[in-house]
Amino acid sequence: MIKLTSGTAGAPRGVATTAAQLVADAITILIGMRIHEQDVGIGVIPLSHSYGLSSLLMPLVIQGSPILITPSSVPGMFIEALAIEEPAFFPGVPYLYELATRDVAARFRRRGLHTCISAGALLPAATAEAFNARFGLPVRAFYGTSETGGITFDASPGGDAAMKVEGCVGTPLPGVSVRLEPETSRVIVRSAAVASGYLGKTFGKTEASGGFRDGGFVTADVGRFEPRDGRCELRLTGRIGAVVNVAGRKVDPREVEQAILGLADVRESAVLGVPDPVRGESLAAFIVAGPEVTREKILANLRGMLAPWKVPRQVFLVERMPRTERGKLNTEALRRRAASSMDT
């Protein structure tokens, strides 16, 4: 089977995956997330994408776990599905949980739903807190890639890793080995679910900068392990290649995003590098926030928290972040918005 990567870091790639690898990934997820055959999967995410395939379609294939398909991500429709009476789990993406907390009319009485899962992008702590406060259910962070299948999951009793520590994605799933590359802190994954390779020129080969290597996979994600409540949890802190060169000074956009997310009434933040005729590159920040938040307040706070070259040159307050059909941040749309503003 060929999986397609999302293409958020470049052109989509075909990932060659065997039946045995798909089954290994499914079993790892079923055991690690404690999904039983009678549990109904609430299907809002597409089944054709890697996340939907592994967390909804494969549980149906492996153990007969049924799927309740909700054909719309409109909050009223999928939140109604969350009120299901039967035992159920909901694999979502951060923007679905964000939508649920923004809709003032969104309410459901918890009956059979026992597990809410978030993957596809890092779950902001504020979103996890808001969903838990409104609906009385924690959102458990899940980290995986098309190349490896599931990697880590927040299996803690409280399911509050994402709420407590920004970027925390829990502990390795059963049968998954996770370590950090000494020089770069890149996340390296080994398991029976790691795919065979990329389709085309890179199939079956290794890449010096990462990719498939010696039976494992070297991701583009950078992280560190942190102790919490007697467990050693993985915290993702950035991505290789994301560093922005602002007039000769290296800036990690993730650091700036974290600073913005720490400000009052900020719900989402995305910071990226854009071409700058004077500095080579500069930072553009896109922020979803409450009505009291202004561009001037954001900049005033950041100037007191960050070095001058880390303060974004462009700040956009947006109603919502643009997303791809897979629920990932559409960085190309954001770059076009920033470039258009720079031109004017």
C-alpha atoms as a PDB file:
ATOM      1  CA  MET A   1       0.000   0.000   0.000  1.00  0.00           C
ATOM      2  CA  ILE A   2       1.195   3.534  -0.726  1.00  0.00           C
ATOM      3  CA  LYS A   3       0.524   6.224   1.873  1.00  0.00           C
ATOM      4  CA  LEU A   4       0.888   9.863   0.892  1.00  0.00           C
ATOM      5  CA  THR A   5       2.592  12.243   3.306  1.00  0.00           C
ATOM      6  CA  SER A   6       0.810  15.530   3.944  1.00  0.00           C
ATOM      7  CA  GLY A   7       3.366  17.616   2.035  1.00  0.00           C
ATOM      8  CA  THR A   8       3.465  20.365   4.671  1.00  0.00           C
ATOM      9  CA  ALA A   9       7.279  20.343   4.587  1.00  0.00           C
ATOM     10  CA  GLY A  10       7.535  20.001   0.801  1.00  0.00           C
ATOM     11  CA  ALA A  11       5.996  17.956  -2.010  1.00  0.00           C
ATOM     12  CA  PRO A  12       3.964  14.927  -0.819  1.00  0.00           C
ATOM     13  CA  ARG A  13       5.842  11.621  -0.931  1.00  0.00           C
ATOM     14  CA  GLY A  14       4.617   8.097  -1.421  1.00  0.00           C
ATOM     15  CA  VAL A  15       5.401   5.826   1.542  1.00  0.00           C
ATOM     16  CA  ALA A  16       5.596   2.110   0.686  1.00  0.00           C
ATOM     17  CA  THR A  17       3.874   0.160   3.483  1.00  0.00           C
ATOM     18  CA  THR A  18       3.284  -3.583   3.764  1.00  0.00           C
ATOM     19  CA  ALA A  19       0.231  -5.319   5.209  1.00  0.00           C
ATOM     20  CA  ALA A  20       2.351  -6.570   8.126  1.00  0.00           C
ATOM     21  CA  GLN A  21       3.435  -3.011   8.941  1.00  0.00           C
ATOM     22  CA  LEU A  22      -0.164  -1.754   8.866  1.00  0.00           C
ATOM     23  CA  VAL A  23      -1.275  -4.565  11.154  1.00  0.00           C
ATOM     24  CA  ALA A  24       1.620  -3.969  13.563  1.00  0.00           C
ATOM     25  CA  ASP A  25       0.694  -0.285  13.783  1.00  0.00           C
ATOM     26  CA  ALA A  26      -2.972  -1.074  14.396  1.00  0.00           C
ATOM     27  CA  ILE A  27      -2.224  -3.556  17.180  1.00  0.00           C
ATOM     28  CA  THR A  28       0.154  -1.099  18.836  1.00  0.00           C
ATOM     29  CA  ILE A  29      -2.537   1.591  18.801  1.00  0.00           C
ATOM     30  CA  LEU A  30      -5.313  -0.717  20.003  1.00  0.00           C
ATOM     31  CA  ILE A  31      -3.236  -1.938  22.955  1.00  0.00           C
ATOM     32  CA  GLY A  32      -1.677   1.426  23.813  1.00  0.00           C
ATOM     33  CA  MET A  33      -4.963   3.341  23.668  1.00  0.00           C
ATOM     34  CA  ARG A  34      -7.050   0.513  25.156  1.00  0.00           C
ATOM     35  CA  ILE A  35      -9.516   0.455  22.283  1.00  0.00           C
ATOM     36  CA  HIS A  36     -11.767  -2.616  22.501  1.00  0.00           C
ATOM     37  CA  GLU A  37     -13.797  -4.365  19.839  1.00  0.00           C
ATOM     38  CA  GLN A  38     -17.086  -2.907  21.064  1.00  0.00           C
ATOM     39  CA  ASP A  39     -15.772   0.669  20.995  1.00  0.00           C
ATOM     40  CA  VAL A  40     -17.199   2.888  18.267  1.00  0.00           C
ATOM     41  CA  GLY A  41     -14.791   5.201  16.457  1.00  0.00           C
ATOM     42  CA  ILE A  42     -16.255   8.662  15.771  1.00  0.00           C
ATOM     43  CA  GLY A  43     -15.142   9.308  12.175  1.00  0.00           C
ATOM     44  CA  VAL A  44     -14.733  12.991  11.377  1.00  0.00           C
ATOM     45  CA  ILE A  45     -11.170  12.835  10.036  1.00  0.00           C
ATOM     46  CA  PRO A  46     -10.812  11.308   6.522  1.00  0.00           C
ATOM     47  CA  LEU A  47     -10.372   7.530   6.469  1.00  0.00           C
ATOM     48  CA  SER A  48      -8.104   7.856   3.422  1.00  0.00           C
ATOM     49  CA  HIS A  49      -5.385   9.661   5.355  1.00  0.00           C
ATOM     50  CA  SER A  50      -2.774   7.922   7.487  1.00  0.00           C
ATOM     51  CA  TYR A  51      -4.305   9.045  10.807  1.00  0.00           C
ATOM     52  CA  GLY A  52      -7.823   7.946   9.848  1.00  0.00           C
ATOM     53  CA  LEU A  53      -6.505   4.703   8.378  1.00  0.00           C
ATOM     54  CA  SER A  54      -4.609   3.692  11.518  1.00  0.00           C
ATOM     55  CA  SER A  55      -7.038   4.890  14.186  1.00  0.00           C
ATOM     56  CA  LEU A  56     -10.422   4.196  12.573  1.00  0.00           C
ATOM     57  CA  LEU A  57     -10.259   1.891   9.553  1.00  0.00           C
ATOM     58  CA  MET A  58      -7.673  -0.593  10.859  1.00  0.00           C
ATOM     59  CA  PRO A  59      -9.468  -1.134  14.217  1.00  0.00           C
ATOM     60  CA  LEU A  60     -12.510  -2.083  12.122  1.00  0.00           C
ATOM     61  CA  VAL A  61     -10.419  -4.494  10.040  1.00  0.00           C
ATOM     62  CA  ILE A  62      -8.476  -6.005  12.956  1.00  0.00           C
ATOM     63  CA  GLN A  63     -11.161  -6.422  15.590  1.00  0.00           C
ATOM     64  CA  GLY A  64     -14.454  -5.191  14.145  1.00  0.00           C
ATOM     65  CA  SER A  65     -14.633  -1.875  16.009  1.00  0.00           C
ATOM     66  CA  PRO A  66     -17.454  -0.019  14.200  1.00  0.00           C
ATOM     67  CA  ILE A  67     -17.151   3.511  12.813  1.00  0.00           C
ATOM     68  CA  LEU A  68     -19.786   6.243  13.130  1.00  0.00           C
ATOM     69  CA  ILE A  69     -18.999   8.506  10.182  1.00  0.00           C
ATOM     70  CA  THR A  70     -19.854  12.167  10.578  1.00  0.00           C
ATOM     71  CA  PRO A  71     -19.699  13.750   7.119  1.00  0.00           C
ATOM     72  CA  SER A  72     -19.018  17.266   8.343  1.00  0.00           C
ATOM     73  CA  SER A  73     -16.636  19.053  10.686  1.00  0.00           C
ATOM     74  CA  VAL A  74     -19.335  21.614  11.549  1.00  0.00           C
ATOM     75  CA  PRO A  75     -19.240  21.655  15.376  1.00  0.00           C
ATOM     76  CA  GLY A  76     -22.963  21.025  15.833  1.00  0.00           C
ATOM     77  CA  MET A  77     -22.825  17.845  13.758  1.00  0.00           C
ATOM     78  CA  PHE A  78     -19.772  16.096  15.153  1.00  0.00           C
ATOM     79  CA  ILE A  79     -20.475  17.199  18.731  1.00  0.00           C
ATOM     80  CA  GLU A  80     -23.878  15.532  18.451  1.00  0.00           C
ATOM     81  CA  ALA A  81     -22.023  12.349  17.508  1.00  0.00           C
ATOM     82  CA  LEU A  82     -19.890  12.649  20.655  1.00  0.00           C
ATOM     83  CA  ALA A  83     -23.055  12.144  22.729  1.00  0.00           C
ATOM     84  CA  ILE A  84     -23.245   8.518  21.532  1.00  0.00           C
ATOM     85  CA  GLU A  85     -24.569   6.024  24.078  1.00  0.00           C
ATOM     86  CA  GLU A  86     -22.267   3.156  23.081  1.00  0.00           C
ATOM     87  CA  PRO A  87     -18.636   2.986  24.306  1.00  0.00           C
ATOM     88  CA  ALA A  88     -16.716   5.248  21.918  1.00  0.00           C
ATOM     89  CA  PHE A  89     -13.454   7.011  21.138  1.00  0.00           C
ATOM     90  CA  PHE A  90     -12.856  10.146  19.082  1.00  0.00           C
ATOM     91  CA  PRO A  91      -9.632  10.614  17.090  1.00  0.00           C
ATOM     92  CA  GLY A  92      -9.585  14.288  16.170  1.00  0.00           C
ATOM     93  CA  VAL A  93      -7.154  17.012  15.163  1.00  0.00           C
ATOM     94  CA  PRO A  94      -6.478  20.199  17.144  1.00  0.00           C
ATOM     95  CA  TYR A  95      -8.643  22.438  14.991  1.00  0.00           C
ATOM     96  CA  LEU A  96     -11.718  20.243  15.633  1.00  0.00           C
ATOM     97  CA  TYR A  97     -11.266  20.643  19.383  1.00  0.00           C
ATOM     98  CA  GLU A  98     -10.711  24.368  18.845  1.00  0.00           C
ATOM     99  CA  LEU A  99     -13.948  24.613  16.829  1.00  0.00           C
ATOM    100  CA  ALA A 100     -15.835  22.811  19.576  1.00  0.00           C
ATOM    101  CA  THR A 101     -14.673  25.270  22.218  1.00  0.00           C
ATOM    102  CA  ARG A 102     -15.456  28.333  20.081  1.00  0.00           C
ATOM    103  CA  ASP A 103     -19.060  27.377  19.345  1.00  0.00           C
ATOM    104  CA  VAL A 104     -21.018  28.864  22.260  1.00  0.00           C
ATOM    105  CA  ALA A 105     -23.942  26.527  21.581  1.00  0.00           C
ATOM    106  CA  ALA A 106     -21.762  23.413  21.510  1.00  0.00           C
ATOM    107  CA  ARG A 107     -22.720  21.071  24.335  1.00  0.00           C
ATOM    108  CA  PHE A 108     -23.140  17.348  24.714  1.00  0.00           C
ATOM    109  CA  ARG A 109     -23.960  15.033  27.590  1.00  0.00           C
ATOM    110  CA  ARG A 110     -21.170  12.540  28.048  1.00  0.00           C
ATOM    111  CA  ARG A 111     -22.482   9.008  27.893  1.00  0.00           C
ATOM    112  CA  GLY A 112     -20.414   6.371  26.082  1.00  0.00           C
ATOM    113  CA  LEU A 113     -17.480   8.479  24.885  1.00  0.00           C
ATOM    114  CA  HIS A 114     -14.425   7.598  26.983  1.00  0.00           C
ATOM    115  CA  THR A 115     -11.345   8.699  24.992  1.00  0.00           C
ATOM    116  CA  CYS A 116     -10.577  11.852  22.995  1.00  0.00           C
ATOM    117  CA  ILE A 117      -7.362  11.756  20.947  1.00  0.00           C
ATOM    118  CA  SER A 118      -5.550  14.546  19.114  1.00  0.00           C
ATOM    119  CA  ALA A 119      -2.915  14.125  16.392  1.00  0.00           C
ATOM    120  CA  GLY A 120      -1.902  15.675  13.076  1.00  0.00           C
ATOM    121  CA  ALA A 121      -0.343  18.723  14.738  1.00  0.00           C
ATOM    122  CA  LEU A 122       0.683  19.765  18.229  1.00  0.00           C
ATOM    123  CA  LEU A 123      -2.304  20.302  20.500  1.00  0.00           C
ATOM    124  CA  PRO A 124      -2.135  23.776  22.126  1.00  0.00           C
ATOM    125  CA  ALA A 125      -2.421  23.605  25.904  1.00  0.00           C
ATOM    126  CA  ALA A 126      -5.108  26.302  25.848  1.00  0.00           C
ATOM    127  CA  THR A 127      -7.268  24.240  23.484  1.00  0.00           C
ATOM    128  CA  ALA A 128      -6.894  21.106  25.598  1.00  0.00           C
ATOM    129  CA  GLU A 129      -7.793  23.058  28.743  1.00  0.00           C
ATOM    130  CA  ALA A 130     -10.818  24.728  27.145  1.00  0.00           C
ATOM    131  CA  PHE A 131     -12.225  21.446  25.802  1.00  0.00           C
ATOM    132  CA  ASN A 132     -11.739  19.683  29.126  1.00  0.00           C
ATOM    133  CA  ALA A 133     -13.345  22.568  31.022  1.00  0.00           C
ATOM    134  CA  ARG A 134     -16.409  22.646  28.761  1.00  0.00           C
ATOM    135  CA  PHE A 135     -16.989  18.945  28.145  1.00  0.00           C
ATOM    136  CA  GLY A 136     -15.351  17.241  31.105  1.00  0.00           C
ATOM    137  CA  LEU A 137     -13.047  15.075  28.983  1.00  0.00           C
ATOM    138  CA  PRO A 138      -9.271  15.343  28.620  1.00  0.00           C
ATOM    139  CA  VAL A 139      -7.795  15.388  25.123  1.00  0.00           C
ATOM    140  CA  ARG A 140      -4.959  12.861  24.949  1.00  0.00           C
ATOM    141  CA  ALA A 141      -2.009  13.797  22.745  1.00  0.00           C
ATOM    142  CA  PHE A 142      -0.993  11.283  20.068  1.00  0.00           C
ATOM    143  CA  TYR A 143       2.132  11.582  17.916  1.00  0.00           C
ATOM    144  CA  GLY A 144       2.821   9.630  14.753  1.00  0.00           C
ATOM    145  CA  THR A 145       3.935   9.967  11.154  1.00  0.00           C
ATOM    146  CA  SER A 146       2.937   8.397   7.840  1.00  0.00           C
ATOM    147  CA  GLU A 147       6.371   6.750   7.749  1.00  0.00           C
ATOM    148  CA  THR A 148       6.246   5.179  11.221  1.00  0.00           C
ATOM    149  CA  GLY A 149       2.626   4.860  12.276  1.00  0.00           C
ATOM    150  CA  GLY A 150       1.919   5.648  15.924  1.00  0.00           C
ATOM    151  CA  ILE A 151       4.889   6.738  18.039  1.00  0.00           C
ATOM    152  CA  THR A 152       3.744   8.120  21.413  1.00  0.00           C
ATOM    153  CA  PHE A 153       0.464   8.562  23.286  1.00  0.00           C
ATOM    154  CA  ASP A 154      -0.610  10.180  26.529  1.00  0.00           C
ATOM    155  CA  ALA A 155      -1.750   7.124  28.476  1.00  0.00           C
ATOM    156  CA  SER A 156      -1.439   8.888  31.850  1.00  0.00           C
ATOM    157  CA  PRO A 157      -4.359   8.507  34.286  1.00  0.00           C
ATOM    158  CA  GLY A 158      -5.400  12.131  33.868  1.00  0.00           C
ATOM    159  CA  GLY A 159      -4.701  12.413  30.140  1.00  0.00           C
ATOM    160  CA  ASP A 160      -3.400  15.910  30.798  1.00  0.00           C
ATOM    161  CA  ALA A 161       0.089  15.891  29.258  1.00  0.00           C
ATOM    162  CA  ALA A 162      -0.814  18.447  26.581  1.00  0.00           C
ATOM    163  CA  MET A 163      -2.541  20.652  29.167  1.00  0.00           C
ATOM    164  CA  LYS A 164       0.367  20.634  31.577  1.00  0.00           C
ATOM    165  CA  VAL A 165       3.319  20.937  29.174  1.00  0.00           C
ATOM    166  CA  GLU A 166       3.144  22.637  25.776  1.00  0.00           C
ATOM    167  CA  GLY A 167       4.311  20.186  23.115  1.00  0.00           C
ATOM    168  CA  CYS A 168       4.165  17.090  25.333  1.00  0.00           C
ATOM    169  CA  VAL A 169       3.024  14.006  23.389  1.00  0.00           C
ATOM    170  CA  GLY A 170       3.214  11.296  26.049  1.00  0.00           C
ATOM    171  CA  THR A 171       5.217   8.076  26.214  1.00  0.00           C
ATOM    172  CA  PRO A 172       6.143   5.533  23.497  1.00  0.00           C
ATOM    173  CA  LEU A 173       3.397   3.147  22.459  1.00  0.00           C
ATOM    174  CA  PRO A 174       3.938  -0.588  23.156  1.00  0.00           C
ATOM    175  CA  GLY A 175       6.622  -2.053  20.928  1.00  0.00           C
ATOM    176  CA  VAL A 176       7.874   1.364  19.787  1.00  0.00           C
ATOM    177  CA  SER A 177      11.438   2.458  20.534  1.00  0.00           C
ATOM    178  CA  VAL A 178      12.051   6.208  20.610  1.00  0.00           C
ATOM    179  CA  ARG A 179      15.423   7.855  21.097  1.00  0.00           C
ATOM    180  CA  LEU A 180      16.978  11.214  20.286  1.00  0.00           C
ATOM    181  CA  GLU A 181      19.859  11.725  17.888  1.00  0.00           C
ATOM    182  CA  PRO A 182      22.772  13.001  20.052  1.00  0.00           C
ATOM    183  CA  GLU A 183      23.885  15.819  17.738  1.00  0.00           C
ATOM    184  CA  THR A 184      20.509  17.233  16.743  1.00  0.00           C
ATOM    185  CA  SER A 185      17.928  15.852  19.238  1.00  0.00           C
ATOM    186  CA  ARG A 186      15.918  14.562  16.282  1.00  0.00           C
ATOM    187  CA  VAL A 187      13.369  11.887  17.138  1.00  0.00           C
ATOM    188  CA  ILE A 188      14.397   8.423  15.896  1.00  0.00           C
ATOM    189  CA  VAL A 189      11.763   5.680  15.769  1.00  0.00           C
ATOM    190  CA  ARG A 190      12.035   1.896  15.519  1.00  0.00           C
ATOM    191  CA  SER A 191       9.113  -0.513  15.461  1.00  0.00           C
ATOM    192  CA  ALA A 192       7.524  -3.254  13.374  1.00  0.00           C
ATOM    193  CA  ALA A 193       5.270  -0.562  11.882  1.00  0.00           C
ATOM    194  CA  VAL A 194       8.053   1.546  10.300  1.00  0.00           C
ATOM    195  CA  ALA A 195       7.400   1.544   6.544  1.00  0.00           C
ATOM    196  CA  SER A 196       9.702   0.059   3.888  1.00  0.00           C
ATOM    197  CA  GLY A 197      10.743   3.381   2.361  1.00  0.00           C
ATOM    198  CA  TYR A 198       9.704   6.148   0.002  1.00  0.00           C
ATOM    199  CA  LEU A 199       8.408   5.315  -3.434  1.00  0.00           C
ATOM    200  CA  GLY A 200      10.707   6.295  -6.283  1.00  0.00           C
ATOM    201  CA  LYS A 201      14.374   7.210  -6.134  1.00  0.00           C
ATOM    202  CA  THR A 202      14.641   7.000  -2.349  1.00  0.00           C
ATOM    203  CA  PHE A 203      12.868   3.650  -1.976  1.00  0.00           C
ATOM    204  CA  GLY A 204      14.903   1.292   0.175  1.00  0.00           C
ATOM    205  CA  LYS A 205      17.770   3.767   0.544  1.00  0.00           C
ATOM    206  CA  THR A 206      19.024   5.751   3.492  1.00  0.00           C
ATOM    207  CA  GLU A 207      19.362   9.512   3.670  1.00  0.00           C
ATOM    208  CA  ALA A 208      22.268  11.138   5.475  1.00  0.00           C
ATOM    209  CA  SER A 209      20.072  13.959   6.754  1.00  0.00           C
ATOM    210  CA  GLY A 210      17.325  11.677   8.032  1.00  0.00           C
ATOM    211  CA  GLY A 211      14.558   9.541   6.601  1.00  0.00           C
ATOM    212  CA  PHE A 212      14.697   5.743   6.591  1.00  0.00           C
ATOM    213  CA  ARG A 213      17.904   4.495   8.159  1.00  0.00           C
ATOM    214  CA  ASP A 214      19.019   1.043   9.354  1.00  0.00           C
ATOM    215  CA  GLY A 215      15.505  -0.288   9.842  1.00  0.00           C
ATOM    216  CA  GLY A 216      14.264   2.813  11.638  1.00  0.00           C
ATOM    217  CA  PHE A 217      13.125   6.296  10.730  1.00  0.00           C
ATOM    218  CA  VAL A 218      14.791   9.602  11.582  1.00  0.00           C
ATOM    219  CA  THR A 219      12.068  12.248  11.755  1.00  0.00           C
ATOM    220  CA  ALA A 220      12.370  15.965  11.154  1.00  0.00           C
ATOM    221  CA  ASP A 221      11.020  16.589  14.667  1.00  0.00           C
ATOM    222  CA  VAL A 222      13.259  17.777  17.487  1.00  0.00           C
ATOM    223  CA  GLY A 223      12.444  16.993  21.075  1.00  0.00           C
ATOM    224  CA  ARG A 224      13.551  16.057  24.549  1.00  0.00           C
ATOM    225  CA  PHE A 225      12.443  13.655  27.255  1.00  0.00           C
ATOM    226  CA  GLU A 226      11.099  15.162  30.462  1.00  0.00           C
ATOM    227  CA  PRO A 227      10.122  13.393  33.696  1.00  0.00           C
ATOM    228  CA  ARG A 228       6.533  13.833  34.853  1.00  0.00           C
ATOM    229  CA  ASP A 229       4.637  11.871  37.501  1.00  0.00           C
ATOM    230  CA  GLY A 230       7.132   9.011  37.387  1.00  0.00           C
ATOM    231  CA  ARG A 231       7.100   8.740  33.586  1.00  0.00           C
ATOM    232  CA  CYS A 232       9.554   9.995  30.975  1.00  0.00           C
ATOM    233  CA  GLU A 233       7.475  11.820  28.384  1.00  0.00           C
ATOM    234  CA  LEU A 234       8.474  13.137  24.985  1.00  0.00           C
ATOM    235  CA  ARG A 235       8.163  16.862  24.383  1.00  0.00           C
ATOM    236  CA  LEU A 236       8.440  18.127  20.803  1.00  0.00           C
ATOM    237  CA  THR A 237      10.282  21.423  20.629  1.00  0.00           C
ATOM    238  CA  GLY A 238      10.703  22.142  16.907  1.00  0.00           C
ATOM    239  CA  ARG A 239      11.536  20.812  13.465  1.00  0.00           C
ATOM    240  CA  ILE A 240      14.778  20.516  11.556  1.00  0.00           C
ATOM    241  CA  GLY A 241      14.869  23.115   8.802  1.00  0.00           C
ATOM    242  CA  ALA A 242      12.398  25.417  10.557  1.00  0.00           C
ATOM    243  CA  VAL A 243      15.074  27.787  11.888  1.00  0.00           C
ATOM    244  CA  VAL A 244      14.805  31.268  10.357  1.00  0.00           C
ATOM    245  CA  ASN A 245      17.872  33.393   9.569  1.00  0.00           C
ATOM    246  CA  VAL A 246      16.990  36.979  10.523  1.00  0.00           C
ATOM    247  CA  ALA A 247      19.845  39.241   9.417  1.00  0.00           C
ATOM    248  CA  GLY A 248      22.397  36.543  10.310  1.00  0.00           C
ATOM    249  CA  ARG A 249      20.776  35.554  13.624  1.00  0.00           C
ATOM    250  CA  LYS A 250      19.120  32.144  13.951  1.00  0.00           C
ATOM    251  CA  VAL A 251      15.581  32.112  15.358  1.00  0.00           C
ATOM    252  CA  ASP A 252      13.448  29.061  16.143  1.00  0.00           C
ATOM    253  CA  PRO A 253       9.825  30.028  15.308  1.00  0.00           C
ATOM    254  CA  ARG A 254       8.588  27.565  17.910  1.00  0.00           C
ATOM    255  CA  GLU A 255      10.140  29.694  20.686  1.00  0.00           C
ATOM    256  CA  VAL A 256       8.236  32.738  19.457  1.00  0.00           C
ATOM    257  CA  GLU A 257       5.016  30.745  19.116  1.00  0.00           C
ATOM    258  CA  GLN A 258       5.320  29.596  22.727  1.00  0.00           C
ATOM    259  CA  ALA A 259       5.814  33.176  23.894  1.00  0.00           C
ATOM    260  CA  ILE A 260       2.686  34.279  22.049  1.00  0.00           C
ATOM    261  CA  LEU A 261       0.625  31.341  23.331  1.00  0.00           C
ATOM    262  CA  GLY A 262       1.538  32.391  26.864  1.00  0.00           C
ATOM    263  CA  LEU A 263      -0.218  35.745  26.442  1.00  0.00           C
ATOM    264  CA  ALA A 264      -3.722  36.298  27.772  1.00  0.00           C
ATOM    265  CA  ASP A 265      -6.664  35.430  25.474  1.00  0.00           C
ATOM    266  CA  VAL A 266      -4.461  33.915  22.738  1.00  0.00           C
ATOM    267  CA  ARG A 267      -5.904  30.658  21.402  1.00  0.00           C
ATOM    268  CA  GLU A 268      -3.616  29.775  18.483  1.00  0.00           C
ATOM    269  CA  SER A 269      -0.304  30.984  17.148  1.00  0.00           C
ATOM    270  CA  ALA A 270       1.730  30.221  14.032  1.00  0.00           C
ATOM    271  CA  VAL A 271       5.096  31.843  13.337  1.00  0.00           C
ATOM    272  CA  LEU A 272       7.082  31.318  10.148  1.00  0.00           C
ATOM    273  CA  GLY A 273       9.928  32.812   8.198  1.00  0.00           C
ATOM    274  CA  VAL A 274       9.167  34.862   5.089  1.00  0.00           C
ATOM    275  CA  PRO A 275      11.490  36.524   2.553  1.00  0.00           C
ATOM    276  CA  ASP A 276      12.629  40.012   3.524  1.00  0.00           C
ATOM    277  CA  PRO A 277      14.479  42.321   1.094  1.00  0.00           C
ATOM    278  CA  VAL A 278      16.558  43.867   3.886  1.00  0.00           C
ATOM    279  CA  ARG A 279      17.052  41.079   6.460  1.00  0.00           C
ATOM    280  CA  GLY A 280      17.013  38.087   4.130  1.00  0.00           C
ATOM    281  CA  GLU A 281      14.235  36.586   6.235  1.00  0.00           C
ATOM    282  CA  SER A 282      11.887  37.971   8.847  1.00  0.00           C
ATOM    283  CA  LEU A 283       9.196  36.526  11.097  1.00  0.00           C
ATOM    284  CA  ALA A 284       5.470  36.687  10.452  1.00  0.00           C
ATOM    285  CA  ALA A 285       3.066  35.759  13.256  1.00  0.00           C
ATOM    286  CA  PHE A 286      -0.539  34.692  12.759  1.00  0.00           C
ATOM    287  CA  ILE A 287      -2.685  34.720  15.864  1.00  0.00           C
ATOM    288  CA  VAL A 288      -6.216  33.647  16.780  1.00  0.00           C
ATOM    289  CA  ALA A 289      -7.232  35.530  19.911  1.00  0.00           C
ATOM    290  CA  GLY A 290     -10.060  37.176  21.828  1.00  0.00           C
ATOM    291  CA  PRO A 291     -11.539  40.555  20.842  1.00  0.00           C
ATOM    292  CA  GLU A 292      -9.501  42.475  23.418  1.00  0.00           C
ATOM    293  CA  VAL A 293      -6.185  41.412  21.887  1.00  0.00           C
ATOM    294  CA  THR A 294      -4.574  43.911  19.525  1.00  0.00           C
ATOM    295  CA  ARG A 295      -1.466  43.860  17.375  1.00  0.00           C
ATOM    296  CA  GLU A 296       0.043  46.622  19.510  1.00  0.00           C
ATOM    297  CA  LYS A 297      -0.511  44.671  22.740  1.00  0.00           C
ATOM    298  CA  ILE A 298       1.066  41.577  21.238  1.00  0.00           C
ATOM    299  CA  LEU A 299       4.158  43.462  20.116  1.00  0.00           C
ATOM    300  CA  ALA A 300       4.500  45.343  23.413  1.00  0.00           C
ATOM    301  CA  ASN A 301       4.463  42.074  25.348  1.00  0.00           C
ATOM    302  CA  LEU A 302       6.891  40.328  23.014  1.00  0.00           C
ATOM    303  CA  ARG A 303       9.386  43.202  23.169  1.00  0.00           C
ATOM    304  CA  GLY A 304       9.547  42.649  26.916  1.00  0.00           C
ATOM    305  CA  MET A 305      10.036  38.894  26.550  1.00  0.00           C
ATOM    306  CA  LEU A 306      12.238  38.324  23.507  1.00  0.00           C
ATOM    307  CA  ALA A 307      15.424  39.629  21.934  1.00  0.00           C
ATOM    308  CA  PRO A 308      14.655  42.337  19.329  1.00  0.00           C
ATOM    309  CA  TRP A 309      15.441  40.105  16.335  1.00  0.00           C
ATOM    310  CA  LYS A 310      12.975  37.480  17.594  1.00  0.00           C
ATOM    311  CA  VAL A 311      10.022  39.878  17.575  1.00  0.00           C
ATOM    312  CA  PRO A 312       7.896  39.293  14.432  1.00  0.00           C
ATOM    313  CA  ARG A 313       7.967  42.071  11.885  1.00  0.00           C
ATOM    314  CA  GLN A 314       4.457  41.178  10.748  1.00  0.00           C
ATOM    315  CA  VAL A 315       1.589  40.310  13.089  1.00  0.00           C
ATOM    316  CA  PHE A 316      -1.769  39.188  11.702  1.00  0.00           C
ATOM    317  CA  LEU A 317      -4.854  38.702  13.859  1.00  0.00           C
ATOM    318  CA  VAL A 318      -7.015  36.145  12.071  1.00  0.00           C
ATOM    319  CA  GLU A 319     -10.412  34.633  12.799  1.00  0.00           C
ATOM    320  CA  ARG A 320      -9.127  31.133  12.100  1.00  0.00           C
ATOM    321  CA  MET A 321      -6.016  29.428  10.774  1.00  0.00           C
ATOM    322  CA  PRO A 322      -6.140  28.055   7.219  1.00  0.00           C
ATOM    323  CA  ARG A 323      -6.053  24.271   7.211  1.00  0.00           C
ATOM    324  CA  THR A 324      -5.444  21.598   4.622  1.00  0.00           C
ATOM    325  CA  GLU A 325      -8.064  18.892   4.116  1.00  0.00           C
ATOM    326  CA  ARG A 326      -6.034  16.786   6.584  1.00  0.00           C
ATOM    327  CA  GLY A 327      -6.454  19.414   9.291  1.00  0.00           C
ATOM    328  CA  LYS A 328      -2.818  20.539   9.176  1.00  0.00           C
ATOM    329  CA  LEU A 329      -1.806  24.179   9.152  1.00  0.00           C
ATOM    330  CA  ASN A 330      -1.660  25.502   5.577  1.00  0.00           C
ATOM    331  CA  THR A 331       1.686  27.289   5.801  1.00  0.00           C
ATOM    332  CA  GLU A 332       1.712  28.144   2.096  1.00  0.00           C
ATOM    333  CA  ALA A 333      -1.518  30.116   2.492  1.00  0.00           C
ATOM    334  CA  LEU A 334       0.023  31.974   5.423  1.00  0.00           C
ATOM    335  CA  ARG A 335       3.167  32.755   3.431  1.00  0.00           C
ATOM    336  CA  ARG A 336       1.073  34.131   0.573  1.00  0.00           C
ATOM    337  CA  ARG A 337      -0.798  36.353   3.022  1.00  0.00           C
ATOM    338  CA  ALA A 338       2.467  37.647   4.474  1.00  0.00           C
ATOM    339  CA  ALA A 339       4.004  38.224   1.019  1.00  0.00           C
ATOM    340  CA  SER A 340       0.933  40.101  -0.146  1.00  0.00           C
ATOM    341  CA  SER A 341       1.090  42.386   2.885  1.00  0.00           C
ATOM    342  CA  MET A 342       4.823  42.988   2.377  1.00  0.00           C
ATOM    343  CA  ASP A 343       4.214  43.994  -1.247  1.00  0.00           C
ATOM    344  CA  THR A 344       1.695  46.606  -0.223  1.00  0.00           C
END
